[in-house]
């Protein structure tokens, strides 16, 4: 499943769509996509909604990406973790297959699967949610800055070495790729009136 995307070229201005969600203040959670050229230029913003602790994150992101005028230019989708809007999991294999765009999942810390499983036990279809989370596959790491603090990632549709190179290339302002950092700022700013927290 992690075969290299057939049109994949890594350039300084590679087009990346970073997606993050807003604060959990209602049942409907806004997700924002920041469409970037490399780690330097914001070229567009996408918006959609998902259900808090629902099971519609994958379909919502697929629809947002496939209906975007930027679709043919997007070379990779970056996600801030594999769950959005609480515990609404994204099936990254399904996302890749339905958009034909490789997916990279970023995490600041290694996930604690036992704690996740415990939290999911309080939600309907907990086994389905856990299956989707585990489906994201192997976790690797990369150091994006000189502080020796790694970020962790999973990917689908491209090799881990290529994913690591894209992460490093787009982490221009912090150890988190700029498309995700900006998506977070926009999403939290829209809902809370001012951006806050870290992507």
C-alpha atoms as a PDB file:
ATOM      1  CA  UNK A   1       0.000   0.000   0.000  1.00  0.00           C
ATOM      2  CA  UNK A   2       2.961   2.334   0.559  1.00  0.00           C
ATOM      3  CA  UNK A   3       3.975   2.386  -3.099  1.00  0.00           C
ATOM      4  CA  UNK A   4       5.351   5.650  -4.463  1.00  0.00           C
ATOM      5  CA  UNK A   5       2.813   7.950  -6.086  1.00  0.00           C
ATOM      6  CA  UNK A   6       3.252   7.727  -9.850  1.00  0.00           C
ATOM      7  CA  UNK A   7       3.572  11.498 -10.427  1.00  0.00           C
ATOM      8  CA  UNK A   8       5.735  12.166  -7.398  1.00  0.00           C
ATOM      9  CA  UNK A   9       8.396  14.860  -7.682  1.00  0.00           C
ATOM     10  CA  UNK A  10       9.919  16.559  -4.669  1.00  0.00           C
ATOM     11  CA  UNK A  11      10.594  20.203  -5.425  1.00  0.00           C
ATOM     12  CA  UNK A  12      11.061  23.195  -3.133  1.00  0.00           C
ATOM     13  CA  UNK A  13       7.539  24.323  -3.995  1.00  0.00           C
ATOM     14  CA  UNK A  14       5.865  20.912  -3.707  1.00  0.00           C
ATOM     15  CA  UNK A  15       2.140  21.439  -3.164  1.00  0.00           C
ATOM     16  CA  UNK A  16       0.985  20.190   0.243  1.00  0.00           C
ATOM     17  CA  UNK A  17      -2.454  20.282   1.863  1.00  0.00           C
ATOM     18  CA  UNK A  18      -2.197  20.431   5.667  1.00  0.00           C
ATOM     19  CA  UNK A  19      -5.420  19.689   7.569  1.00  0.00           C
ATOM     20  CA  UNK A  20      -6.254  20.447  11.204  1.00  0.00           C
ATOM     21  CA  UNK A  21      -9.417  20.765  13.266  1.00  0.00           C
ATOM     22  CA  UNK A  22     -10.845  23.465  15.489  1.00  0.00           C
ATOM     23  CA  UNK A  23     -11.544  23.392  19.215  1.00  0.00           C
ATOM     24  CA  UNK A  24     -14.170  20.958  20.521  1.00  0.00           C
ATOM     25  CA  UNK A  25     -16.848  23.472  21.447  1.00  0.00           C
ATOM     26  CA  UNK A  26     -19.848  21.980  19.647  1.00  0.00           C
ATOM     27  CA  UNK A  27     -21.093  18.779  18.009  1.00  0.00           C
ATOM     28  CA  UNK A  28     -19.951  19.991  14.585  1.00  0.00           C
ATOM     29  CA  UNK A  29     -16.218  20.551  14.315  1.00  0.00           C
ATOM     30  CA  UNK A  30     -14.646  22.707  11.613  1.00  0.00           C
ATOM     31  CA  UNK A  31     -11.657  21.276   9.758  1.00  0.00           C
ATOM     32  CA  UNK A  32      -9.399  23.548   7.732  1.00  0.00           C
ATOM     33  CA  UNK A  33      -7.040  22.723   4.903  1.00  0.00           C
ATOM     34  CA  UNK A  34      -4.066  25.022   4.244  1.00  0.00           C
ATOM     35  CA  UNK A  35      -2.786  24.572   0.688  1.00  0.00           C
ATOM     36  CA  UNK A  36       0.929  25.375   0.605  1.00  0.00           C
ATOM     37  CA  UNK A  37       3.751  25.632  -1.888  1.00  0.00           C
ATOM     38  CA  UNK A  38       6.556  23.972   0.036  1.00  0.00           C
ATOM     39  CA  UNK A  39       6.873  25.429   3.503  1.00  0.00           C
ATOM     40  CA  UNK A  40       6.760  29.061   2.415  1.00  0.00           C
ATOM     41  CA  UNK A  41       3.646  30.156   0.532  1.00  0.00           C
ATOM     42  CA  UNK A  42      -0.006  29.762   1.435  1.00  0.00           C
ATOM     43  CA  UNK A  43      -1.935  29.419  -1.822  1.00  0.00           C
ATOM     44  CA  UNK A  44      -5.418  28.525  -0.630  1.00  0.00           C
ATOM     45  CA  UNK A  45      -7.691  27.567   2.267  1.00  0.00           C
ATOM     46  CA  UNK A  46     -10.304  24.785   2.358  1.00  0.00           C
ATOM     47  CA  UNK A  47     -13.027  24.235   4.946  1.00  0.00           C
ATOM     48  CA  UNK A  48     -15.341  21.403   5.919  1.00  0.00           C
ATOM     49  CA  UNK A  49     -17.133  19.978   8.966  1.00  0.00           C
ATOM     50  CA  UNK A  50     -17.078  16.680  10.829  1.00  0.00           C
ATOM     51  CA  UNK A  51     -19.046  15.299  13.758  1.00  0.00           C
ATOM     52  CA  UNK A  52     -17.488  15.352  17.204  1.00  0.00           C
ATOM     53  CA  UNK A  53     -16.518  11.751  18.119  1.00  0.00           C
ATOM     54  CA  UNK A  54     -18.199  10.622  14.892  1.00  0.00           C
ATOM     55  CA  UNK A  55     -17.115   8.370  12.054  1.00  0.00           C
ATOM     56  CA  UNK A  56     -17.339  10.806   9.147  1.00  0.00           C
ATOM     57  CA  UNK A  57     -13.831  12.342   9.132  1.00  0.00           C
ATOM     58  CA  UNK A  58     -12.538  10.205   6.255  1.00  0.00           C
ATOM     59  CA  UNK A  59     -15.513  10.906   3.991  1.00  0.00           C
ATOM     60  CA  UNK A  60     -15.470  14.632   4.819  1.00  0.00           C
ATOM     61  CA  UNK A  61     -11.775  14.973   3.989  1.00  0.00           C
ATOM     62  CA  UNK A  62     -12.137  12.896   0.799  1.00  0.00           C
ATOM     63  CA  UNK A  63     -14.981  15.161  -0.335  1.00  0.00           C
ATOM     64  CA  UNK A  64     -13.091  18.347   0.609  1.00  0.00           C
ATOM     65  CA  UNK A  65     -10.007  17.246  -1.336  1.00  0.00           C
ATOM     66  CA  UNK A  66     -11.783  15.846  -4.404  1.00  0.00           C
ATOM     67  CA  UNK A  67     -13.989  18.930  -4.766  1.00  0.00           C
ATOM     68  CA  UNK A  68     -11.073  21.355  -4.496  1.00  0.00           C
ATOM     69  CA  UNK A  69      -9.839  23.299  -7.501  1.00  0.00           C
ATOM     70  CA  UNK A  70      -6.342  22.474  -6.195  1.00  0.00           C
ATOM     71  CA  UNK A  71      -6.820  18.671  -6.456  1.00  0.00           C
ATOM     72  CA  UNK A  72      -4.591  18.112  -9.492  1.00  0.00           C
ATOM     73  CA  UNK A  73      -1.750  20.059  -7.845  1.00  0.00           C
ATOM     74  CA  UNK A  74      -1.808  18.449  -4.382  1.00  0.00           C
ATOM     75  CA  UNK A  75       1.167  16.093  -4.031  1.00  0.00           C
ATOM     76  CA  UNK A  76       0.565  15.107  -0.400  1.00  0.00           C
ATOM     77  CA  UNK A  77      -2.059  15.481   2.319  1.00  0.00           C
ATOM     78  CA  UNK A  78      -0.713  16.125   5.820  1.00  0.00           C
ATOM     79  CA  UNK A  79      -2.825  15.249   8.839  1.00  0.00           C
ATOM     80  CA  UNK A  80      -2.286  16.337  12.429  1.00  0.00           C
ATOM     81  CA  UNK A  81      -2.671  12.880  13.938  1.00  0.00           C
ATOM     82  CA  UNK A  82      -5.086  10.210  12.771  1.00  0.00           C
ATOM     83  CA  UNK A  83      -8.112  11.352  14.803  1.00  0.00           C
ATOM     84  CA  UNK A  84     -10.020  14.615  14.459  1.00  0.00           C
ATOM     85  CA  UNK A  85     -12.892  16.166  16.391  1.00  0.00           C
ATOM     86  CA  UNK A  86     -12.159  14.102  19.492  1.00  0.00           C
ATOM     87  CA  UNK A  87     -12.073  10.471  18.374  1.00  0.00           C
ATOM     88  CA  UNK A  88     -13.260  10.698  14.768  1.00  0.00           C
ATOM     89  CA  UNK A  89     -10.601   8.544  13.048  1.00  0.00           C
ATOM     90  CA  UNK A  90      -9.267   9.047   9.516  1.00  0.00           C
ATOM     91  CA  UNK A  91      -8.706   5.916   7.427  1.00  0.00           C
ATOM     92  CA  UNK A  92      -5.535   7.011   5.623  1.00  0.00           C
ATOM     93  CA  UNK A  93      -5.576   4.015   3.267  1.00  0.00           C
ATOM     94  CA  UNK A  94      -9.122   4.863   2.201  1.00  0.00           C
ATOM     95  CA  UNK A  95      -8.194   8.552   1.918  1.00  0.00           C
ATOM     96  CA  UNK A  96      -5.269   7.735  -0.369  1.00  0.00           C
ATOM     97  CA  UNK A  97      -7.254   5.326  -2.526  1.00  0.00           C
ATOM     98  CA  UNK A  98     -10.205   7.714  -2.983  1.00  0.00           C
ATOM     99  CA  UNK A  99      -8.138  10.852  -3.730  1.00  0.00           C
ATOM    100  CA  UNK A 100      -5.026   9.300  -5.310  1.00  0.00           C
ATOM    101  CA  UNK A 101      -3.011  11.686  -3.131  1.00  0.00           C
ATOM    102  CA  UNK A 102      -0.403  10.280  -0.706  1.00  0.00           C
ATOM    103  CA  UNK A 103      -1.062  10.869   3.003  1.00  0.00           C
ATOM    104  CA  UNK A 104       1.382  11.788   5.787  1.00  0.00           C
ATOM    105  CA  UNK A 105       0.247  11.723   9.428  1.00  0.00           C
ATOM    106  CA  UNK A 106       2.257  13.884  11.872  1.00  0.00           C
ATOM    107  CA  UNK A 107       2.461  13.379  15.640  1.00  0.00           C
ATOM    108  CA  UNK A 108       4.459  15.291  18.242  1.00  0.00           C
ATOM    109  CA  UNK A 109       4.519  12.240  20.520  1.00  0.00           C
ATOM    110  CA  UNK A 110       4.232   8.487  20.145  1.00  0.00           C
ATOM    111  CA  UNK A 111       0.606   7.435  20.597  1.00  0.00           C
ATOM    112  CA  UNK A 112      -0.334   5.454  23.713  1.00  0.00           C
ATOM    113  CA  UNK A 113      -2.548   2.795  22.147  1.00  0.00           C
ATOM    114  CA  UNK A 114      -3.663   1.360  25.496  1.00  0.00           C
ATOM    115  CA  UNK A 115      -4.958   4.764  26.637  1.00  0.00           C
ATOM    116  CA  UNK A 116      -6.608   5.324  23.250  1.00  0.00           C
ATOM    117  CA  UNK A 117      -8.324   1.934  23.406  1.00  0.00           C
ATOM    118  CA  UNK A 118      -9.578   2.707  26.913  1.00  0.00           C
ATOM    119  CA  UNK A 119     -10.978   6.094  25.819  1.00  0.00           C
ATOM    120  CA  UNK A 120     -12.640   4.531  22.769  1.00  0.00           C
ATOM    121  CA  UNK A 121     -14.424   1.955  24.946  1.00  0.00           C
ATOM    122  CA  UNK A 122     -16.849   4.696  25.995  1.00  0.00           C
ATOM    123  CA  UNK A 123     -17.870   5.405  22.388  1.00  0.00           C
ATOM    124  CA  UNK A 124     -20.073   3.419  19.982  1.00  0.00           C
ATOM    125  CA  UNK A 125     -18.302   1.179  17.440  1.00  0.00           C
ATOM    126  CA  UNK A 126     -15.100   1.335  19.477  1.00  0.00           C
ATOM    127  CA  UNK A 127     -13.572  -1.669  17.692  1.00  0.00           C
ATOM    128  CA  UNK A 128     -14.152  -0.081  14.292  1.00  0.00           C
ATOM    129  CA  UNK A 129     -12.467   3.125  15.465  1.00  0.00           C
ATOM    130  CA  UNK A 130      -9.462   1.229  16.813  1.00  0.00           C
ATOM    131  CA  UNK A 131      -9.143  -0.749  13.578  1.00  0.00           C
ATOM    132  CA  UNK A 132      -8.988   2.488  11.573  1.00  0.00           C
ATOM    133  CA  UNK A 133      -6.350   3.929  13.927  1.00  0.00           C
ATOM    134  CA  UNK A 134      -4.186   0.796  13.719  1.00  0.00           C
ATOM    135  CA  UNK A 135      -4.632   0.658   9.932  1.00  0.00           C
ATOM    136  CA  UNK A 136      -2.417   3.761   9.653  1.00  0.00           C
ATOM    137  CA  UNK A 137       0.514   1.378  10.051  1.00  0.00           C
ATOM    138  CA  UNK A 138       4.134   1.687  11.059  1.00  0.00           C
ATOM    139  CA  UNK A 139       5.289   4.755  12.979  1.00  0.00           C
ATOM    140  CA  UNK A 140       8.613   6.306  12.035  1.00  0.00           C
ATOM    141  CA  UNK A 141      10.417   9.444  13.201  1.00  0.00           C
ATOM    142  CA  UNK A 142      12.366  12.331  11.741  1.00  0.00           C
ATOM    143  CA  UNK A 143      14.278  15.256  13.237  1.00  0.00           C
ATOM    144  CA  UNK A 144      13.204  18.444  11.472  1.00  0.00           C
ATOM    145  CA  UNK A 145      15.281  20.983  13.379  1.00  0.00           C
ATOM    146  CA  UNK A 146      18.620  21.052  15.184  1.00  0.00           C
ATOM    147  CA  UNK A 147      17.091  20.542  18.656  1.00  0.00           C
ATOM    148  CA  UNK A 148      17.215  16.726  18.310  1.00  0.00           C
ATOM    149  CA  UNK A 149      13.517  16.431  19.190  1.00  0.00           C
ATOM    150  CA  UNK A 150      11.927  14.091  16.646  1.00  0.00           C
ATOM    151  CA  UNK A 151       8.417  14.227  15.277  1.00  0.00           C
ATOM    152  CA  UNK A 152       6.669  10.972  14.493  1.00  0.00           C
ATOM    153  CA  UNK A 153       4.808  10.060  11.345  1.00  0.00           C
ATOM    154  CA  UNK A 154       2.890   7.435   9.404  1.00  0.00           C
ATOM    155  CA  UNK A 155       2.238   7.469   5.685  1.00  0.00           C
ATOM    156  CA  UNK A 156       0.373   5.831   2.846  1.00  0.00           C
ATOM    157  CA  UNK A 157       1.017   6.099  -0.893  1.00  0.00           C
ATOM    158  CA  UNK A 158       4.696   7.033  -0.645  1.00  0.00           C
ATOM    159  CA  UNK A 159       7.916   5.682   0.838  1.00  0.00           C
ATOM    160  CA  UNK A 160       8.842   6.623   4.397  1.00  0.00           C
ATOM    161  CA  UNK A 161      12.117   8.158   3.166  1.00  0.00           C
ATOM    162  CA  UNK A 162      10.241  10.476   0.815  1.00  0.00           C
ATOM    163  CA  UNK A 163       7.705  11.366   3.516  1.00  0.00           C
ATOM    164  CA  UNK A 164      10.554  12.250   5.911  1.00  0.00           C
ATOM    165  CA  UNK A 165      12.155  14.463   3.262  1.00  0.00           C
ATOM    166  CA  UNK A 166       8.864  16.320   2.667  1.00  0.00           C
ATOM    167  CA  UNK A 167       8.357  16.818   6.416  1.00  0.00           C
ATOM    168  CA  UNK A 168      11.854  18.293   6.810  1.00  0.00           C
ATOM    169  CA  UNK A 169      11.504  20.469   3.716  1.00  0.00           C
ATOM    170  CA  UNK A 170       8.222  22.013   4.857  1.00  0.00           C
ATOM    171  CA  UNK A 171       9.199  22.565   8.517  1.00  0.00           C
ATOM    172  CA  UNK A 172      10.454  26.088   7.894  1.00  0.00           C
ATOM    173  CA  UNK A 173       9.215  27.939  11.020  1.00  0.00           C
ATOM    174  CA  UNK A 174       9.125  25.194  13.664  1.00  0.00           C
ATOM    175  CA  UNK A 175       9.584  21.439  13.949  1.00  0.00           C
ATOM    176  CA  UNK A 176       6.039  21.025  12.573  1.00  0.00           C
ATOM    177  CA  UNK A 177       5.449  21.427   8.815  1.00  0.00           C
ATOM    178  CA  UNK A 178       4.137  24.865   7.897  1.00  0.00           C
ATOM    179  CA  UNK A 179       0.954  23.572   6.176  1.00  0.00           C
ATOM    180  CA  UNK A 180      -0.154  21.980   9.475  1.00  0.00           C
ATOM    181  CA  UNK A 181       0.958  24.895  11.642  1.00  0.00           C
ATOM    182  CA  UNK A 182      -1.034  27.379   9.558  1.00  0.00           C
ATOM    183  CA  UNK A 183      -4.091  25.101   9.252  1.00  0.00           C
ATOM    184  CA  UNK A 184      -4.138  24.959  13.059  1.00  0.00           C
ATOM    185  CA  UNK A 185      -3.880  28.766  13.393  1.00  0.00           C
ATOM    186  CA  UNK A 186      -6.736  29.316  10.954  1.00  0.00           C
ATOM    187  CA  UNK A 187      -9.006  26.603  12.423  1.00  0.00           C
ATOM    188  CA  UNK A 188      -8.628  27.765  16.021  1.00  0.00           C
ATOM    189  CA  UNK A 189      -8.858  31.436  15.052  1.00  0.00           C
ATOM    190  CA  UNK A 190     -12.149  30.938  13.196  1.00  0.00           C
ATOM    191  CA  UNK A 191     -13.823  29.170  16.120  1.00  0.00           C
ATOM    192  CA  UNK A 192     -12.257  30.827  19.153  1.00  0.00           C
ATOM    193  CA  UNK A 193     -11.849  34.346  17.772  1.00  0.00           C
ATOM    194  CA  UNK A 194      -8.075  34.101  18.137  1.00  0.00           C
ATOM    195  CA  UNK A 195      -5.646  31.307  17.306  1.00  0.00           C
ATOM    196  CA  UNK A 196      -4.099  29.435  20.198  1.00  0.00           C
ATOM    197  CA  UNK A 197      -2.221  26.273  21.071  1.00  0.00           C
ATOM    198  CA  UNK A 198       0.177  24.274  18.936  1.00  0.00           C
ATOM    199  CA  UNK A 199      -0.562  22.154  15.897  1.00  0.00           C
END
